[in-house]
Amino acid sequence: MSQTTITVLNADGSLCCSFAGVMWESLAQQANNHWANIPLACCAWACSVCACYVLEGRDNIDHELLGTQLTTLDTDDQICSCIAWIKPWNSWSIVIKKWR
């Protein structure tokens, strides 16, 4: 079976956590299950408090699975991790860095 590895870095670039990802939870939910402490508020891509930079694996993330973007992020390399999910059917390496 294929496995996705998700690595979360702190805002300063230091390692926060690394874990095997699953397809049925958002990146923020999975990261917070591993003590990443990514802030969540609306869980609808409206407030952007969960914004993260994608350093690796952006093509392997479905960042519009649960709806259309409601807010503008600072840069194109950011995602709202509250509604970003892993694309299925393969092994990926995804690295995200907390915005705050």
N, C-alpha and C. Protein backbone atom coordinates (compact mmCIF):
# COMPACT_ATOMS: atom_id res chain seq x y z
N MET A 1 0.83 -1.18 0.00
CA MET A 1 0.00 0.00 0.00
C MET A 1 0.88 1.25 0.00
N SER A 2 0.47 2.25 -0.74
CA SER A 2 1.21 3.49 -0.82
C SER A 2 1.05 4.29 0.46
N GLN A 3 2.06 5.10 0.75
CA GLN A 3 2.01 5.90 1.97
C GLN A 3 2.55 7.29 1.68
N THR A 4 1.87 8.27 2.21
CA THR A 4 2.28 9.66 2.08
C THR A 4 2.93 10.11 3.38
N THR A 5 4.05 10.78 3.27
CA THR A 5 4.72 11.34 4.43
C THR A 5 4.47 12.85 4.44
N ILE A 6 3.97 13.33 5.55
CA ILE A 6 3.74 14.76 5.73
C ILE A 6 4.73 15.27 6.78
N THR A 7 5.45 16.31 6.43
CA THR A 7 6.39 16.94 7.35
C THR A 7 5.92 18.36 7.59
N VAL A 8 5.83 18.75 8.85
CA VAL A 8 5.41 20.10 9.22
C VAL A 8 6.60 20.80 9.87
N LEU A 9 6.91 21.97 9.35
CA LEU A 9 7.98 22.79 9.91
C LEU A 9 7.36 23.96 10.67
N ASN A 10 8.04 24.39 11.72
CA ASN A 10 7.62 25.59 12.43
C ASN A 10 7.90 26.81 11.56
N ALA A 11 7.36 27.96 11.94
CA ALA A 11 7.55 29.18 11.15
C ALA A 11 9.02 29.54 10.99
N ASP A 12 9.87 29.15 11.95
CA ASP A 12 11.30 29.43 11.86
C ASP A 12 12.07 28.40 11.04
N GLY A 13 11.36 27.39 10.51
CA GLY A 13 11.98 26.37 9.67
C GLY A 13 12.43 25.13 10.41
N SER A 14 12.33 25.12 11.72
CA SER A 14 12.71 23.93 12.49
C SER A 14 11.62 22.86 12.37
N LEU A 15 12.00 21.62 12.57
CA LEU A 15 11.07 20.50 12.44
C LEU A 15 10.04 20.53 13.57
N CYS A 16 8.79 20.46 13.19
CA CYS A 16 7.70 20.38 14.17
C CYS A 16 7.29 18.92 14.33
N CYS A 17 6.96 18.24 13.22
CA CYS A 17 6.59 16.83 13.26
C CYS A 17 6.61 16.25 11.86
N SER A 18 6.64 14.93 11.79
CA SER A 18 6.58 14.20 10.53
C SER A 18 5.77 12.94 10.79
N PHE A 19 4.88 12.59 9.86
CA PHE A 19 3.97 11.47 10.11
C PHE A 19 3.44 10.92 8.79
N ALA A 20 2.88 9.73 8.86
CA ALA A 20 2.22 9.12 7.70
C ALA A 20 0.85 9.77 7.54
N GLY A 21 0.58 10.30 6.36
CA GLY A 21 -0.67 10.99 6.10
C GLY A 21 -1.80 10.05 5.72
N VAL A 22 -3.01 10.56 5.88
CA VAL A 22 -4.21 9.83 5.48
C VAL A 22 -5.03 10.72 4.55
N MET A 23 -5.90 10.10 3.76
CA MET A 23 -6.66 10.85 2.76
C MET A 23 -7.95 11.44 3.29
N TRP A 24 -8.43 11.03 4.44
CA TRP A 24 -9.77 11.42 4.88
C TRP A 24 -9.78 12.53 5.93
N GLU A 25 -8.66 13.18 6.17
CA GLU A 25 -8.59 14.31 7.09
C GLU A 25 -7.81 15.44 6.44
N SER A 26 -8.15 16.66 6.78
CA SER A 26 -7.42 17.80 6.24
C SER A 26 -5.98 17.78 6.77
N LEU A 27 -5.11 18.50 6.08
CA LEU A 27 -3.72 18.58 6.53
C LEU A 27 -3.64 19.18 7.93
N ALA A 28 -4.45 20.21 8.21
CA ALA A 28 -4.42 20.82 9.54
C ALA A 28 -4.87 19.84 10.62
N GLN A 29 -5.93 19.08 10.38
CA GLN A 29 -6.39 18.10 11.35
C GLN A 29 -5.32 17.06 11.62
N GLN A 30 -4.70 16.55 10.55
CA GLN A 30 -3.66 15.54 10.72
C GLN A 30 -2.46 16.10 11.48
N ALA A 31 -2.04 17.30 11.11
CA ALA A 31 -0.90 17.91 11.78
C ALA A 31 -1.19 18.15 13.26
N ASN A 32 -2.38 18.61 13.55
CA ASN A 32 -2.74 18.88 14.94
C ASN A 32 -2.89 17.59 15.75
N ASN A 33 -3.23 16.49 15.09
CA ASN A 33 -3.23 15.19 15.77
C ASN A 33 -1.83 14.76 16.18
N HIS A 34 -0.82 15.40 15.57
CA HIS A 34 0.58 15.12 15.88
C HIS A 34 1.23 16.33 16.58
N TRP A 35 0.44 17.11 17.26
CA TRP A 35 0.88 18.22 18.11
C TRP A 35 1.50 19.38 17.35
N ALA A 36 1.08 19.62 16.12
CA ALA A 36 1.65 20.73 15.34
C ALA A 36 1.10 22.09 15.75
N ASN A 37 -0.08 22.11 16.33
CA ASN A 37 -0.69 23.35 16.80
C ASN A 37 -0.87 24.38 15.69
N ILE A 38 -1.44 23.95 14.56
CA ILE A 38 -1.83 24.89 13.50
C ILE A 38 -3.17 25.50 13.92
N PRO A 39 -3.25 26.82 13.99
CA PRO A 39 -4.50 27.43 14.44
C PRO A 39 -5.64 27.18 13.45
N LEU A 40 -6.83 26.97 13.99
CA LEU A 40 -8.03 26.78 13.18
C LEU A 40 -9.11 27.71 13.69
N ALA A 41 -9.93 28.22 12.78
CA ALA A 41 -11.05 29.07 13.18
C ALA A 41 -12.29 28.71 12.37
N CYS A 42 -12.32 29.10 11.10
CA CYS A 42 -13.54 28.91 10.31
C CYS A 42 -13.66 27.53 9.68
N CYS A 43 -12.54 26.89 9.39
CA CYS A 43 -12.50 25.60 8.68
C CYS A 43 -13.28 25.66 7.37
N ALA A 44 -13.23 26.81 6.71
CA ALA A 44 -13.94 27.00 5.44
C ALA A 44 -13.16 27.87 4.47
N TRP A 45 -11.88 28.07 4.70
CA TRP A 45 -11.02 28.85 3.82
C TRP A 45 -11.45 30.31 3.74
N ALA A 46 -11.96 30.84 4.83
CA ALA A 46 -12.42 32.23 4.83
C ALA A 46 -11.52 33.15 5.65
N CYS A 47 -10.90 32.64 6.71
CA CYS A 47 -10.15 33.53 7.62
C CYS A 47 -8.64 33.47 7.42
N SER A 48 -8.12 32.40 6.89
CA SER A 48 -6.70 32.16 6.58
C SER A 48 -5.78 32.02 7.79
N VAL A 49 -6.32 31.81 9.00
CA VAL A 49 -5.42 31.62 10.15
C VAL A 49 -4.65 30.30 10.05
N CYS A 50 -5.14 29.35 9.26
CA CYS A 50 -4.48 28.05 9.11
C CYS A 50 -3.51 28.02 7.93
N ALA A 51 -3.25 29.17 7.32
CA ALA A 51 -2.39 29.22 6.14
C ALA A 51 -1.02 28.64 6.42
N CYS A 52 -0.54 27.85 5.48
CA CYS A 52 0.80 27.26 5.55
C CYS A 52 1.47 27.43 4.20
N TYR A 53 2.78 27.51 4.22
CA TYR A 53 3.56 27.50 2.99
C TYR A 53 3.77 26.05 2.57
N VAL A 54 3.68 25.77 1.28
CA VAL A 54 3.98 24.44 0.77
C VAL A 54 5.39 24.48 0.20
N LEU A 55 6.30 23.75 0.84
CA LEU A 55 7.69 23.72 0.38
C LEU A 55 7.95 22.57 -0.56
N GLU A 56 7.15 21.52 -0.45
CA GLU A 56 7.32 20.34 -1.31
C GLU A 56 5.97 19.63 -1.45
N GLY A 57 5.64 19.23 -2.68
CA GLY A 57 4.47 18.40 -2.90
C GLY A 57 3.17 19.13 -3.18
N ARG A 58 3.23 20.37 -3.61
CA ARG A 58 1.99 21.12 -3.86
C ARG A 58 1.07 20.42 -4.84
N ASP A 59 1.63 19.80 -5.86
CA ASP A 59 0.81 19.09 -6.86
C ASP A 59 0.10 17.89 -6.27
N ASN A 60 0.49 17.46 -5.09
CA ASN A 60 -0.11 16.29 -4.44
C ASN A 60 -1.16 16.67 -3.40
N ILE A 61 -1.49 17.96 -3.35
CA ILE A 61 -2.48 18.46 -2.40
C ILE A 61 -3.68 18.98 -3.17
N ASP A 62 -4.86 18.55 -2.76
CA ASP A 62 -6.10 19.08 -3.31
C ASP A 62 -6.54 20.18 -2.38
N HIS A 63 -6.32 21.43 -2.76
CA HIS A 63 -6.61 22.54 -1.87
C HIS A 63 -7.97 23.19 -2.13
N GLU A 64 -8.78 22.59 -2.97
CA GLU A 64 -10.12 23.09 -3.20
C GLU A 64 -11.15 21.97 -3.12
N LEU A 65 -10.82 20.91 -2.41
CA LEU A 65 -11.71 19.76 -2.32
C LEU A 65 -13.04 20.10 -1.68
N LEU A 66 -13.02 20.96 -0.68
CA LEU A 66 -14.24 21.26 0.07
C LEU A 66 -14.91 22.56 -0.33
N GLY A 67 -14.40 23.24 -1.33
CA GLY A 67 -15.06 24.48 -1.75
C GLY A 67 -14.13 25.44 -2.43
N THR A 68 -14.66 26.58 -2.77
CA THR A 68 -13.93 27.61 -3.48
C THR A 68 -13.26 28.56 -2.49
N GLN A 69 -12.13 29.07 -2.88
CA GLN A 69 -11.37 29.99 -2.03
C GLN A 69 -12.20 31.23 -1.73
N LEU A 70 -12.29 31.58 -0.45
CA LEU A 70 -13.05 32.75 -0.01
C LEU A 70 -12.17 33.91 0.41
N THR A 71 -10.89 33.66 0.53
CA THR A 71 -9.96 34.70 0.96
C THR A 71 -8.72 34.68 0.07
N THR A 72 -7.98 35.75 0.06
CA THR A 72 -6.75 35.83 -0.72
C THR A 72 -5.57 35.63 0.23
N LEU A 73 -4.70 34.71 -0.14
CA LEU A 73 -3.51 34.47 0.65
C LEU A 73 -2.38 35.38 0.17
N ASP A 74 -1.34 35.49 0.98
CA ASP A 74 -0.25 36.42 0.67
C ASP A 74 0.54 36.03 -0.57
N THR A 75 0.78 34.74 -0.76
CA THR A 75 1.60 34.27 -1.88
C THR A 75 1.00 33.01 -2.49
N ASP A 76 1.45 32.68 -3.69
CA ASP A 76 0.95 31.50 -4.39
C ASP A 76 1.42 30.19 -3.77
N ASP A 77 2.44 30.25 -2.92
CA ASP A 77 2.93 29.01 -2.31
C ASP A 77 2.26 28.72 -0.98
N GLN A 78 1.16 29.41 -0.67
CA GLN A 78 0.41 29.15 0.55
C GLN A 78 -0.87 28.38 0.26
N ILE A 79 -1.33 27.63 1.26
CA ILE A 79 -2.62 26.95 1.22
C ILE A 79 -3.32 27.18 2.55
N CYS A 80 -4.62 27.03 2.54
CA CYS A 80 -5.37 26.99 3.80
C CYS A 80 -5.43 25.52 4.19
N SER A 81 -4.70 25.15 5.20
CA SER A 81 -4.55 23.74 5.56
C SER A 81 -5.81 23.13 6.15
N CYS A 82 -6.80 23.96 6.52
CA CYS A 82 -8.03 23.43 7.12
C CYS A 82 -8.87 22.65 6.11
N ILE A 83 -8.74 22.97 4.82
CA ILE A 83 -9.52 22.24 3.82
C ILE A 83 -8.64 21.62 2.74
N ALA A 84 -7.34 21.56 2.96
CA ALA A 84 -6.41 20.93 2.02
C ALA A 84 -6.28 19.45 2.35
N TRP A 85 -6.40 18.62 1.35
CA TRP A 85 -6.36 17.17 1.52
C TRP A 85 -5.30 16.57 0.61
N ILE A 86 -4.86 15.39 0.94
CA ILE A 86 -3.89 14.65 0.13
C ILE A 86 -4.62 14.04 -1.06
N LYS A 87 -4.03 14.17 -2.24
CA LYS A 87 -4.59 13.49 -3.41
C LYS A 87 -4.39 11.99 -3.26
N PRO A 88 -5.36 11.20 -3.68
CA PRO A 88 -5.28 9.74 -3.45
C PRO A 88 -4.42 9.00 -4.47
N TRP A 89 -4.20 7.74 -4.13
CA TRP A 89 -3.69 6.70 -5.02
C TRP A 89 -2.21 6.73 -5.30
N ASN A 90 -1.42 7.30 -4.45
CA ASN A 90 0.01 7.23 -4.68
C ASN A 90 0.76 7.57 -3.40
N SER A 91 2.07 7.48 -3.46
CA SER A 91 2.92 7.87 -2.33
C SER A 91 3.45 9.26 -2.61
N TRP A 92 3.27 10.16 -1.67
CA TRP A 92 3.73 11.52 -1.83
C TRP A 92 4.63 11.91 -0.66
N SER A 93 5.40 12.91 -0.90
CA SER A 93 6.12 13.58 0.19
C SER A 93 5.64 15.01 0.18
N ILE A 94 5.07 15.44 1.29
CA ILE A 94 4.53 16.79 1.40
C ILE A 94 5.22 17.48 2.57
N VAL A 95 5.72 18.68 2.32
CA VAL A 95 6.36 19.47 3.38
C VAL A 95 5.64 20.81 3.44
N ILE A 96 5.09 21.13 4.61
CA ILE A 96 4.45 22.42 4.82
C ILE A 96 5.14 23.14 5.96
N LYS A 97 5.12 24.47 5.90
CA LYS A 97 5.71 25.29 6.97
C LYS A 97 4.63 26.20 7.51
N LYS A 98 4.50 26.21 8.83
CA LYS A 98 3.51 27.06 9.45
C LYS A 98 3.77 28.52 9.14
N TRP A 99 2.71 29.24 8.91
CA TRP A 99 2.81 30.65 8.58
C TRP A 99 3.15 31.47 9.81
N ARG A 100 2.57 31.11 10.93
CA ARG A 100 2.79 31.87 12.17
C ARG A 100 3.43 30.99 13.21
